[in-house]
């Protein structure tokens, strides 16, 4: 425990000495030209990512819309096929109750 307290005490003393010996120079703490370029590139990257995000979201929405339309068409086609099958069965049932096989073959 004593070693840690001595180490921390020494580090605090060194930090205090460095802080008092160093004069504040506003030209050294500015980001300069490199910081300006980096900030500009970061802004361009964020804007580009925004455009990519919007494009992907729009494509996903269109894909979802098309899938819904396809599902609706498939359901409608299945329903129409079922209705046609049921109508065909009902027609066959009516013809078989009449007892006229020749009339059934001529109507089709």
PDB file of N, CA and C in Angstrom:
ATOM      1  N   UNK A   1       0.829  -1.186   0.000  1.00  0.00           N
ATOM      2  CA  UNK A   1       0.000   0.000   0.000  1.00  0.00           C
ATOM      3  C   UNK A   1       0.880   1.258   0.000  1.00  0.00           C
ATOM      4  N   UNK A   2       1.956   1.183   0.707  1.00  0.00           N
ATOM      5  CA  UNK A   2       2.863   2.305   0.824  1.00  0.00           C
ATOM      6  C   UNK A   2       3.522   2.621  -0.521  1.00  0.00           C
ATOM      7  N   UNK A   3       3.806   1.578  -1.323  1.00  0.00           N
ATOM      8  CA  UNK A   3       4.436   1.781  -2.625  1.00  0.00           C
ATOM      9  C   UNK A   3       3.488   2.544  -3.549  1.00  0.00           C
ATOM     10  N   UNK A   4       2.223   2.184  -3.526  1.00  0.00           N
ATOM     11  CA  UNK A   4       1.233   2.847  -4.375  1.00  0.00           C
ATOM     12  C   UNK A   4       1.037   4.308  -3.978  1.00  0.00           C
ATOM     13  N   UNK A   5       0.977   4.551  -2.712  1.00  0.00           N
ATOM     14  CA  UNK A   5       0.778   5.940  -2.275  1.00  0.00           C
ATOM     15  C   UNK A   5       1.986   6.797  -2.637  1.00  0.00           C
ATOM     16  N   UNK A   6       3.209   6.228  -2.533  1.00  0.00           N
ATOM     17  CA  UNK A   6       4.412   6.971  -2.932  1.00  0.00           C
ATOM     18  C   UNK A   6       4.411   7.238  -4.436  1.00  0.00           C
ATOM     19  N   UNK A   7       4.011   6.243  -5.229  1.00  0.00           N
ATOM     20  CA  UNK A   7       3.980   6.394  -6.687  1.00  0.00           C
ATOM     21  C   UNK A   7       2.972   7.448  -7.100  1.00  0.00           C
ATOM     22  N   UNK A   8       1.798   7.391  -6.510  1.00  0.00           N
ATOM     23  CA  UNK A   8       0.757   8.370  -6.840  1.00  0.00           C
ATOM     24  C   UNK A   8       1.186   9.761  -6.399  1.00  0.00           C
ATOM     25  N   UNK A   9       1.793   9.865  -5.225  1.00  0.00           N
ATOM     26  CA  UNK A   9       2.275  11.167  -4.739  1.00  0.00           C
ATOM     27  C   UNK A   9       3.326  11.749  -5.662  1.00  0.00           C
ATOM     28  N   UNK A  10       4.243  10.919  -6.133  1.00  0.00           N
ATOM     29  CA  UNK A  10       5.289  11.380  -7.038  1.00  0.00           C
ATOM     30  C   UNK A  10       4.701  11.839  -8.363  1.00  0.00           C
ATOM     31  N   UNK A  11       3.733  11.077  -8.875  1.00  0.00           N
ATOM     32  CA  UNK A  11       3.099  11.453 -10.143  1.00  0.00           C
ATOM     33  C   UNK A  11       2.351  12.779 -10.011  1.00  0.00           C
ATOM     34  N   UNK A  12       1.679  13.006  -8.910  1.00  0.00           N
ATOM     35  CA  UNK A  12       0.973  14.271  -8.695  1.00  0.00           C
ATOM     36  C   UNK A  12       1.943  15.438  -8.612  1.00  0.00           C
ATOM     37  N   UNK A  13       3.086  15.229  -7.952  1.00  0.00           N
ATOM     38  CA  UNK A  13       4.091  16.300  -7.870  1.00  0.00           C
ATOM     39  C   UNK A  13       4.638  16.643  -9.255  1.00  0.00           C
ATOM     40  N   UNK A  14       4.923  15.621 -10.068  1.00  0.00           N
ATOM     41  CA  UNK A  14       5.438  15.860 -11.422  1.00  0.00           C
ATOM     42  C   UNK A  14       4.391  16.583 -12.282  1.00  0.00           C
ATOM     43  N   UNK A  15       3.138  16.186 -12.161  1.00  0.00           N
ATOM     44  CA  UNK A  15       2.085  16.841 -12.933  1.00  0.00           C
ATOM     45  C   UNK A  15       1.946  18.293 -12.530  1.00  0.00           C
ATOM     46  N   UNK A  16       2.092  18.581 -11.226  1.00  0.00           N
ATOM     47  CA  UNK A  16       1.982  19.959 -10.750  1.00  0.00           C
ATOM     48  C   UNK A  16       3.151  20.797 -11.257  1.00  0.00           C
ATOM     49  N   UNK A  17       4.352  20.231 -11.273  1.00  0.00           N
ATOM     50  CA  UNK A  17       5.520  20.953 -11.771  1.00  0.00           C
ATOM     51  C   UNK A  17       5.401  21.254 -13.265  1.00  0.00           C
ATOM     52  N   UNK A  18       4.951  20.286 -14.021  1.00  0.00           N
ATOM     53  CA  UNK A  18       4.796  20.489 -15.461  1.00  0.00           C
ATOM     54  C   UNK A  18       3.744  21.553 -15.724  1.00  0.00           C
ATOM     55  N   UNK A  19       2.672  21.541 -14.963  1.00  0.00           N
ATOM     56  CA  UNK A  19       1.601  22.511 -15.168  1.00  0.00           C
ATOM     57  C   UNK A  19       2.052  23.921 -14.825  1.00  0.00           C
ATOM     58  N   UNK A  20       2.856  24.081 -13.804  1.00  0.00           N
ATOM     59  CA  UNK A  20       3.300  25.433 -13.426  1.00  0.00           C
ATOM     60  C   UNK A  20       4.413  25.934 -14.338  1.00  0.00           C
ATOM     61  N   UNK A  21       5.241  25.020 -14.880  1.00  0.00           N
ATOM     62  CA  UNK A  21       6.345  25.431 -15.757  1.00  0.00           C
ATOM     63  C   UNK A  21       5.890  25.748 -17.177  1.00  0.00           C
ATOM     64  N   UNK A  22       4.797  25.210 -17.593  1.00  0.00           N
ATOM     65  CA  UNK A  22       4.342  25.393 -18.965  1.00  0.00           C
ATOM     66  C   UNK A  22       3.461  26.633 -19.049  1.00  0.00           C
ATOM     67  N   UNK A  23       3.854  27.523 -19.945  1.00  0.00           N
ATOM     68  CA  UNK A  23       3.052  28.731 -20.162  1.00  0.00           C
ATOM     69  C   UNK A  23       1.990  28.424 -21.211  1.00  0.00           C
ATOM     70  N   UNK A  24       0.852  29.058 -21.074  1.00  0.00           N
ATOM     71  CA  UNK A  24      -0.249  28.836 -22.000  1.00  0.00           C
ATOM     72  C   UNK A  24      -0.004  29.601 -23.287  1.00  0.00           C
ATOM     73  N   UNK A  25       0.064  28.867 -24.399  1.00  0.00           N
ATOM     74  CA  UNK A  25       0.252  29.471 -25.710  1.00  0.00           C
ATOM     75  C   UNK A  25      -0.955  29.086 -26.571  1.00  0.00           C
ATOM     76  N   UNK A  26      -1.845  30.034 -26.901  1.00  0.00           N
ATOM     77  CA  UNK A  26      -3.063  29.698 -27.656  1.00  0.00           C
ATOM     78  C   UNK A  26      -2.775  29.168 -29.061  1.00  0.00           C
ATOM     79  N   UNK A  27      -1.620  29.457 -29.633  1.00  0.00           N
ATOM     80  CA  UNK A  27      -1.297  28.943 -30.962  1.00  0.00           C
ATOM     81  C   UNK A  27      -0.972  27.446 -30.947  1.00  0.00           C
ATOM     82  N   UNK A  28      -0.521  26.949 -29.818  1.00  0.00           N
ATOM     83  CA  UNK A  28      -0.176  25.534 -29.716  1.00  0.00           C
ATOM     84  C   UNK A  28      -1.382  24.644 -29.415  1.00  0.00           C
ATOM     85  N   UNK A  29      -2.467  25.218 -28.930  1.00  0.00           N
ATOM     86  CA  UNK A  29      -3.628  24.397 -28.557  1.00  0.00           C
ATOM     87  C   UNK A  29      -4.714  24.399 -29.635  1.00  0.00           C
ATOM     88  N   UNK A  30      -4.514  25.114 -30.705  1.00  0.00           N
ATOM     89  CA  UNK A  30      -5.496  25.096 -31.794  1.00  0.00           C
ATOM     90  C   UNK A  30      -5.245  23.891 -32.678  1.00  0.00           C
ATOM     91  N   UNK A  31      -6.284  23.394 -33.336  1.00  0.00           N
ATOM     92  CA  UNK A  31      -6.113  22.198 -34.165  1.00  0.00           C
ATOM     93  C   UNK A  31      -5.300  22.458 -35.429  1.00  0.00           C
ATOM     94  N   UNK A  32      -5.261  23.695 -35.895  1.00  0.00           N
ATOM     95  CA  UNK A  32      -4.476  24.020 -37.075  1.00  0.00           C
ATOM     96  C   UNK A  32      -5.120  23.517 -38.357  1.00  0.00           C
ATOM     97  N   UNK A  33      -4.316  23.509 -39.400  1.00  0.00           N
ATOM     98  CA  UNK A  33      -4.798  23.107 -40.720  1.00  0.00           C
ATOM     99  C   UNK A  33      -5.195  21.627 -40.742  1.00  0.00           C
ATOM    100  N   UNK A  34      -4.417  20.782 -40.065  1.00  0.00           N
ATOM    101  CA  UNK A  34      -4.714  19.348 -40.033  1.00  0.00           C
ATOM    102  C   UNK A  34      -6.063  19.078 -39.378  1.00  0.00           C
ATOM    103  N   UNK A  35      -6.332  19.782 -38.299  1.00  0.00           N
ATOM    104  CA  UNK A  35      -7.619  19.626 -37.613  1.00  0.00           C
ATOM    105  C   UNK A  35      -8.777  20.079 -38.479  1.00  0.00           C
ATOM    106  N   UNK A  36      -8.566  21.167 -39.212  1.00  0.00           N
ATOM    107  CA  UNK A  36      -9.604  21.669 -40.113  1.00  0.00           C
ATOM    108  C   UNK A  36      -9.905  20.640 -41.205  1.00  0.00           C
ATOM    109  N   UNK A  37      -8.854  20.080 -41.800  1.00  0.00           N
ATOM    110  CA  UNK A  37      -9.032  19.073 -42.854  1.00  0.00           C
ATOM    111  C   UNK A  37      -9.720  17.832 -42.285  1.00  0.00           C
ATOM    112  N   UNK A  38      -9.266  17.373 -41.124  1.00  0.00           N
ATOM    113  CA  UNK A  38      -9.857  16.188 -40.512  1.00  0.00           C
ATOM    114  C   UNK A  38     -11.338  16.409 -40.205  1.00  0.00           C
ATOM    115  N   UNK A  39     -11.681  17.571 -39.663  1.00  0.00           N
ATOM    116  CA  UNK A  39     -13.078  17.867 -39.352  1.00  0.00           C
ATOM    117  C   UNK A  39     -13.917  17.908 -40.621  1.00  0.00           C
ATOM    118  N   UNK A  40     -13.380  18.491 -41.679  1.00  0.00           N
ATOM    119  CA  UNK A  40     -14.097  18.521 -42.956  1.00  0.00           C
ATOM    120  C   UNK A  40     -14.316  17.135 -43.518  1.00  0.00           C
ATOM    121  N   UNK A  41     -13.277  16.298 -43.469  1.00  0.00           N
ATOM    122  CA  UNK A  41     -13.417  14.923 -43.962  1.00  0.00           C
ATOM    123  C   UNK A  41     -14.409  14.131 -43.124  1.00  0.00           C
ATOM    124  N   UNK A  42     -14.399  14.356 -41.831  1.00  0.00           N
ATOM    125  CA  UNK A  42     -15.354  13.677 -40.953  1.00  0.00           C
ATOM    126  C   UNK A  42     -16.783  14.101 -41.297  1.00  0.00           C
ATOM    127  N   UNK A  43     -16.993  15.379 -41.558  1.00  0.00           N
ATOM    128  CA  UNK A  43     -18.320  15.863 -41.939  1.00  0.00           C
ATOM    129  C   UNK A  43     -18.764  15.254 -43.268  1.00  0.00           C
ATOM    130  N   UNK A  44     -17.867  15.190 -44.235  1.00  0.00           N
ATOM    131  CA  UNK A  44     -18.187  14.589 -45.535  1.00  0.00           C
ATOM    132  C   UNK A  44     -18.530  13.110 -45.357  1.00  0.00           C
ATOM    133  N   UNK A  45     -17.778  12.406 -44.521  1.00  0.00           N
ATOM    134  CA  UNK A  45     -18.049  10.986 -44.284  1.00  0.00           C
ATOM    135  C   UNK A  45     -19.417  10.775 -43.641  1.00  0.00           C
ATOM    136  N   UNK A  46     -19.769  11.608 -42.680  1.00  0.00           N
ATOM    137  CA  UNK A  46     -21.078  11.482 -42.018  1.00  0.00           C
ATOM    138  C   UNK A  46     -22.206  11.761 -43.013  1.00  0.00           C
ATOM    139  N   UNK A  47     -22.054  12.756 -43.849  1.00  0.00           N
ATOM    140  CA  UNK A  47     -23.078  13.063 -44.852  1.00  0.00           C
ATOM    141  C   UNK A  47     -23.199  11.926 -45.858  1.00  0.00           C
ATOM    142  N   UNK A  48     -22.063  11.374 -46.298  1.00  0.00           N
ATOM    143  CA  UNK A  48     -22.093  10.252 -47.242  1.00  0.00           C
ATOM    144  C   UNK A  48     -22.776   9.037 -46.614  1.00  0.00           C
ATOM    145  N   UNK A  49     -22.482   8.762 -45.358  1.00  0.00           N
ATOM    146  CA  UNK A  49     -23.147   7.652 -44.668  1.00  0.00           C
ATOM    147  C   UNK A  49     -24.648   7.891 -44.548  1.00  0.00           C
ATOM    148  N   UNK A  50     -25.034   9.135 -44.362  1.00  0.00           N
ATOM    149  CA  UNK A  50     -26.460   9.464 -44.312  1.00  0.00           C
ATOM    150  C   UNK A  50     -27.152   9.160 -45.628  1.00  0.00           C
ATOM    151  N   UNK A  51     -26.508   9.530 -46.739  1.00  0.00           N
ATOM    152  CA  UNK A  51     -27.091   9.236 -48.054  1.00  0.00           C
ATOM    153  C   UNK A  51     -27.190   7.730 -48.295  1.00  0.00           C
ATOM    154  N   UNK A  52     -26.150   6.997 -47.904  1.00  0.00           N
ATOM    155  CA  UNK A  52     -26.168   5.544 -48.077  1.00  0.00           C
ATOM    156  C   UNK A  52     -27.288   4.929 -47.235  1.00  0.00           C
ATOM    157  N   UNK A  53     -27.436   5.411 -46.016  1.00  0.00           N
ATOM    158  CA  UNK A  53     -28.497   4.904 -45.134  1.00  0.00           C
ATOM    159  C   UNK A  53     -29.876   5.146 -45.731  1.00  0.00           C
ATOM    160  N   UNK A  54     -30.110   6.340 -46.226  1.00  0.00           N
ATOM    161  CA  UNK A  54     -31.412   6.663 -46.816  1.00  0.00           C
ATOM    162  C   UNK A  54     -31.672   5.803 -48.044  1.00  0.00           C
ATOM    163  N   UNK A  55     -30.659   5.599 -48.876  1.00  0.00           N
ATOM    164  CA  UNK A  55     -30.822   4.782 -50.071  1.00  0.00           C
ATOM    165  C   UNK A  55     -31.169   3.343 -49.705  1.00  0.00           C
ATOM    166  N   UNK A  56     -30.493   2.798 -48.704  1.00  0.00           N
ATOM    167  CA  UNK A  56     -30.767   1.414 -48.292  1.00  0.00           C
ATOM    168  C   UNK A  56     -32.143   1.282 -47.650  1.00  0.00           C
ATOM    169  N   UNK A  57     -32.545   2.265 -46.875  1.00  0.00           N
ATOM    170  CA  UNK A  57     -33.871   2.219 -46.256  1.00  0.00           C
ATOM    171  C   UNK A  57     -34.962   2.297 -47.319  1.00  0.00           C
ATOM    172  N   UNK A  58     -34.759   3.153 -48.318  1.00  0.00           N
ATOM    173  CA  UNK A  58     -35.732   3.275 -49.397  1.00  0.00           C
ATOM    174  C   UNK A  58     -35.822   1.968 -50.189  1.00  0.00           C
ATOM    175  N   UNK A  59     -34.688   1.350 -50.489  1.00  0.00           N
ATOM    176  CA  UNK A  59     -34.679   0.078 -51.216  1.00  0.00           C
ATOM    177  C   UNK A  59     -35.376  -1.009 -50.401  1.00  0.00           C
ATOM    178  N   UNK A  60     -35.148  -1.013 -49.111  1.00  0.00           N
ATOM    179  CA  UNK A  60     -35.793  -2.001 -48.241  1.00  0.00           C
ATOM    180  C   UNK A  60     -37.305  -1.785 -48.218  1.00  0.00           C
ATOM    181  N   UNK A  61     -37.740  -0.547 -48.181  1.00  0.00           N
ATOM    182  CA  UNK A  61     -39.175  -0.256 -48.189  1.00  0.00           C
ATOM    183  C   UNK A  61     -39.806  -0.692 -49.509  1.00  0.00           C
ATOM    184  N   UNK A  62     -39.132  -0.421 -50.628  1.00  0.00           N
ATOM    185  CA  UNK A  62     -39.648  -0.853 -51.929  1.00  0.00           C
ATOM    186  C   UNK A  62     -39.718  -2.366 -52.012  1.00  0.00           C
ATOM    187  N   UNK A  63     -38.678  -3.041 -51.508  1.00  0.00           N
ATOM    188  CA  UNK A  63     -38.665  -4.504 -51.512  1.00  0.00           C
ATOM    189  C   UNK A  63     -39.837  -5.060 -50.700  1.00  0.00           C
ATOM    190  N   UNK A  64     -40.076  -4.454 -49.546  1.00  0.00           N
ATOM    191  CA  UNK A  64     -41.180  -4.886 -48.690  1.00  0.00           C
ATOM    192  C   UNK A  64     -42.521  -4.680 -49.399  1.00  0.00           C
ATOM    193  N   UNK A  65     -42.663  -3.544 -50.074  1.00  0.00           N
ATOM    194  CA  UNK A  65     -43.905  -3.243 -50.796  1.00  0.00           C
ATOM    195  C   UNK A  65     -44.139  -4.255 -51.922  1.00  0.00           C
ATOM    196  N   UNK A  66     -43.086  -4.584 -52.664  1.00  0.00           N
ATOM    197  CA  UNK A  66     -43.209  -5.540 -53.762  1.00  0.00           C
ATOM    198  C   UNK A  66     -43.560  -6.923 -53.231  1.00  0.00           C
ATOM    199  N   UNK A  67     -42.947  -7.316 -52.115  1.00  0.00           N
ATOM    200  CA  UNK A  67     -43.268  -8.619 -51.523  1.00  0.00           C
ATOM    201  C   UNK A  67     -44.733  -8.691 -51.109  1.00  0.00           C
ATOM    202  N   UNK A  68     -45.245  -7.611 -50.540  1.00  0.00           N
ATOM    203  CA  UNK A  68     -46.662  -7.581 -50.161  1.00  0.00           C
ATOM    204  C   UNK A  68     -47.553  -7.708 -51.390  1.00  0.00           C
ATOM    205  N   UNK A  69     -47.206  -7.009 -52.476  1.00  0.00           N
ATOM    206  CA  UNK A  69     -47.999  -7.103 -53.708  1.00  0.00           C
ATOM    207  C   UNK A  69     -47.974  -8.526 -54.270  1.00  0.00           C
ATOM    208  N   UNK A  70     -46.803  -9.161 -54.246  1.00  0.00           N
ATOM    209  CA  UNK A  70     -46.692 -10.528 -54.751  1.00  0.00           C
ATOM    210  C   UNK A  70     -47.518 -11.481 -53.892  1.00  0.00           C
ATOM    211  N   UNK A  71     -47.447 -11.319 -52.578  1.00  0.00           N
ATOM    212  CA  UNK A  71     -48.236 -12.169 -51.688  1.00  0.00           C
ATOM    213  C   UNK A  71     -49.730 -11.985 -51.943  1.00  0.00           C
ATOM    214  N   UNK A  72     -50.157 -10.740 -52.165  1.00  0.00           N
ATOM    215  CA  UNK A  72     -51.565 -10.471 -52.443  1.00  0.00           C
ATOM    216  C   UNK A  72     -51.983 -11.120 -53.759  1.00  0.00           C
ATOM    217  N   UNK A  73     -51.125 -11.028 -54.783  1.00  0.00           N
ATOM    218  CA  UNK A  73     -51.439 -11.650 -56.079  1.00  0.00           C
ATOM    219  C   UNK A  73     -51.516 -13.168 -55.958  1.00  0.00           C
ATOM    220  N   UNK A  74     -50.567 -13.755 -55.216  1.00  0.00           N
ATOM    221  CA  UNK A  74     -50.586 -15.207 -55.032  1.00  0.00           C
ATOM    222  C   UNK A  74     -51.824 -15.658 -54.269  1.00  0.00           C
ATOM    223  N   UNK A  75     -52.204 -14.903 -53.259  1.00  0.00           N
ATOM    224  CA  UNK A  75     -53.410 -15.239 -52.496  1.00  0.00           C
ATOM    225  C   UNK A  75     -54.646 -15.114 -53.373  1.00  0.00           C
ATOM    226  N   UNK A  76     -54.681 -14.069 -54.197  1.00  0.00           N
ATOM    227  CA  UNK A  76     -55.823 -13.879 -55.109  1.00  0.00           C
ATOM    228  C   UNK A  76     -55.885 -15.006 -56.136  1.00  0.00           C
ATOM    229  N   UNK A  77     -54.737 -15.380 -56.687  1.00  0.00           N
ATOM    230  CA  UNK A  77     -54.705 -16.478 -57.659  1.00  0.00           C
ATOM    231  C   UNK A  77     -55.131 -17.792 -57.030  1.00  0.00           C
ATOM    232  N   UNK A  78     -54.696 -18.037 -55.808  1.00  0.00           N
ATOM    233  CA  UNK A  78     -55.088 -19.265 -55.113  1.00  0.00           C
ATOM    234  C   UNK A  78     -56.589 -19.259 -54.839  1.00  0.00           C
ATOM    235  N   UNK A  79     -57.108 -18.120 -54.460  1.00  0.00           N
ATOM    236  CA  UNK A  79     -58.548 -17.999 -54.193  1.00  0.00           C
ATOM    237  C   UNK A  79     -59.343 -18.208 -55.483  1.00  0.00           C
ATOM    238  N   UNK A  80     -58.891 -17.607 -56.579  1.00  0.00           N
ATOM    239  CA  UNK A  80     -59.572 -17.780 -57.867  1.00  0.00           C
ATOM    240  C   UNK A  80     -59.528 -19.229 -58.323  1.00  0.00           C
ATOM    241  N   UNK A  81     -58.393 -19.893 -58.121  1.00  0.00           N
ATOM    242  CA  UNK A  81     -58.270 -21.304 -58.509  1.00  0.00           C
ATOM    243  C   UNK A  81     -59.198 -22.163 -57.666  1.00  0.00           C
ATOM    244  N   UNK A  82     -59.291 -21.840 -56.405  1.00  0.00           N
ATOM    245  CA  UNK A  82     -60.189 -22.601 -55.515  1.00  0.00           C
ATOM    246  C   UNK A  82     -61.643 -22.387 -55.909  1.00  0.00           C
ATOM    247  N   UNK A  83     -61.992 -21.139 -56.224  1.00  0.00           N
ATOM    248  CA  UNK A  83     -63.364 -20.860 -56.651  1.00  0.00           C
ATOM    249  C   UNK A  83     -63.683 -21.558 -57.966  1.00  0.00           C
ATOM    250  N   UNK A  84     -62.732 -21.550 -58.887  1.00  0.00           N
ATOM    251  CA  UNK A  84     -62.943 -22.215 -60.176  1.00  0.00           C
ATOM    252  C   UNK A  84     -63.084 -23.720 -59.979  1.00  0.00           C
ATOM    253  N   UNK A  85     -62.290 -24.272 -59.096  1.00  0.00           N
ATOM    254  CA  UNK A  85     -62.382 -25.707 -58.816  1.00  0.00           C
ATOM    255  C   UNK A  85     -63.723 -26.042 -58.185  1.00  0.00           C
ATOM    256  N   UNK A  86     -64.134 -25.211 -57.239  1.00  0.00           N
ATOM    257  CA  UNK A  86     -65.430 -25.439 -56.595  1.00  0.00           C
ATOM    258  C   UNK A  86     -66.569 -25.284 -57.600  1.00  0.00           C
ATOM    259  N   UNK A  87     -66.460 -24.316 -58.502  1.00  0.00           N
ATOM    260  CA  UNK A  87     -67.496 -24.120 -59.513  1.00  0.00           C
ATOM    261  C   UNK A  87     -67.528 -25.311 -60.468  1.00  0.00           C
ATOM    262  N   UNK A  88     -66.367 -25.821 -60.819  1.00  0.00           N
ATOM    263  CA  UNK A  88     -66.287 -26.991 -61.696  1.00  0.00           C
ATOM    264  C   UNK A  88     -66.885 -28.210 -61.036  1.00  0.00           C
ATOM    265  N   UNK A  89     -66.639 -28.398 -59.767  1.00  0.00           N
ATOM    266  CA  UNK A  89     -67.217 -29.532 -59.035  1.00  0.00           C
ATOM    267  C   UNK A  89     -68.726 -29.390 -58.942  1.00  0.00           C
ATOM    268  N   UNK A  90     -69.180 -28.180 -58.695  1.00  0.00           N
ATOM    269  CA  UNK A  90     -70.629 -27.963 -58.598  1.00  0.00           C
ATOM    270  C   UNK A  90     -71.288 -28.211 -59.947  1.00  0.00           C
ATOM    271  N   UNK A  91     -70.653 -27.782 -61.035  1.00  0.00           N
ATOM    272  CA  UNK A  91     -71.198 -27.993 -62.378  1.00  0.00           C
ATOM    273  C   UNK A  91     -71.258 -29.485 -62.688  1.00  0.00           C
ATOM    274  N   UNK A  92     -70.178 -30.197 -62.331  1.00  0.00           N
ATOM    275  CA  UNK A  92     -70.159 -31.645 -62.552  1.00  0.00           C
ATOM    276  C   UNK A  92     -71.232 -32.331 -61.718  1.00  0.00           C
ATOM    277  N   UNK A  93     -71.445 -31.847 -60.511  1.00  0.00           N
ATOM    278  CA  UNK A  93     -72.464 -32.452 -59.653  1.00  0.00           C
ATOM    279  C   UNK A  93     -73.855 -32.228 -60.245  1.00  0.00           C
ATOM    280  N   UNK A  94     -74.121 -31.050 -60.803  1.00  0.00           N
ATOM    281  CA  UNK A  94     -75.427 -30.757 -61.406  1.00  0.00           C
ATOM    282  C   UNK A  94     -75.659 -31.628 -62.629  1.00  0.00           C
ATOM    283  N   UNK A  95     -74.606 -31.793 -63.417  1.00  0.00           N
ATOM    284  CA  UNK A  95     -74.741 -32.606 -64.620  1.00  0.00           C
ATOM    285  C   UNK A  95     -74.952 -34.074 -64.281  1.00  0.00           C
ATOM    286  N   UNK A  96     -74.297 -34.543 -63.247  1.00  0.00           N
ATOM    287  CA  UNK A  96     -74.458 -35.949 -62.889  1.00  0.00           C
ATOM    288  C   UNK A  96     -75.835 -36.210 -62.288  1.00  0.00           C
ATOM    289  N   UNK A  97     -76.457 -35.219 -61.684  1.00  0.00           N
ATOM    290  CA  UNK A  97     -77.813 -35.414 -61.160  1.00  0.00           C
ATOM    291  C   UNK A  97     -78.834 -35.415 -62.279  1.00  0.00           C
ATOM    292  N   UNK A  98     -78.534 -34.752 -63.413  1.00  0.00           N
ATOM    293  CA  UNK A  98     -79.424 -34.768 -64.560  1.00  0.00           C
ATOM    294  C   UNK A  98     -79.413 -36.118 -65.261  1.00  0.00           C
ATOM    295  N   UNK A  99     -78.255 -36.793 -65.171  1.00  0.00           N
ATOM    296  CA  UNK A  99     -78.124 -38.097 -65.792  1.00  0.00           C
ATOM    297  C   UNK A  99     -77.803 -38.017 -67.253  1.00  0.00           C
ATOM    298  N   UNK A 100     -77.429 -36.897 -67.746  1.00  0.00           N
ATOM    299  CA  UNK A 100     -77.122 -36.780 -69.162  1.00  0.00           C
ATOM    300  C   UNK A 100     -75.613 -36.631 -69.342  1.00  0.00           C
ATOM    301  N   UNK A 101     -74.951 -37.676 -69.651  1.00  0.00           N
ATOM    302  CA  UNK A 101     -73.509 -37.657 -69.863  1.00  0.00           C
ATOM    303  C   UNK A 101     -73.171 -36.991 -71.178  1.00  0.00           C
ATOM    304  N   UNK A 102     -74.047 -37.149 -72.184  1.00  0.00           N
ATOM    305  CA  UNK A 102     -73.789 -36.533 -73.476  1.00  0.00           C
ATOM    306  C   UNK A 102     -73.857 -35.019 -73.387  1.00  0.00           C
ATOM    307  N   UNK A 103     -74.767 -34.492 -72.570  1.00  0.00           N
ATOM    308  CA  UNK A 103     -74.905 -33.056 -72.427  1.00  0.00           C
ATOM    309  C   UNK A 103     -73.645 -32.469 -71.736  1.00  0.00           C
ATOM    310  N   UNK A 104     -73.068 -33.210 -70.823  1.00  0.00           N
ATOM    311  CA  UNK A 104     -71.868 -32.744 -70.126  1.00  0.00           C
ATOM    312  C   UNK A 104     -70.691 -32.666 -71.082  1.00  0.00           C
ATOM    313  N   UNK A 105     -70.588 -33.645 -71.961  1.00  0.00           N
ATOM    314  CA  UNK A 105     -69.442 -33.630 -72.892  1.00  0.00           C
ATOM    315  C   UNK A 105     -69.619 -32.570 -73.948  1.00  0.00           C
ATOM    316  N   UNK A 106     -70.822 -32.229 -74.348  1.00  0.00           N
ATOM    317  CA  UNK A 106     -71.024 -31.201 -75.364  1.00  0.00           C
ATOM    318  C   UNK A 106     -70.886 -29.797 -74.799  1.00  0.00           C
ATOM    319  N   UNK A 107     -71.180 -29.617 -73.518  1.00  0.00           N
ATOM    320  CA  UNK A 107     -71.065 -28.300 -72.901  1.00  0.00           C
ATOM    321  C   UNK A 107     -69.627 -27.899 -72.648  1.00  0.00           C
ATOM    322  N   UNK A 108     -68.804 -28.852 -72.457  1.00  0.00           N
ATOM    323  CA  UNK A 108     -67.393 -28.524 -72.165  1.00  0.00           C
ATOM    324  C   UNK A 108     -66.737 -28.252 -73.458  1.00  0.00           C
TER     325      UNK A 108
END
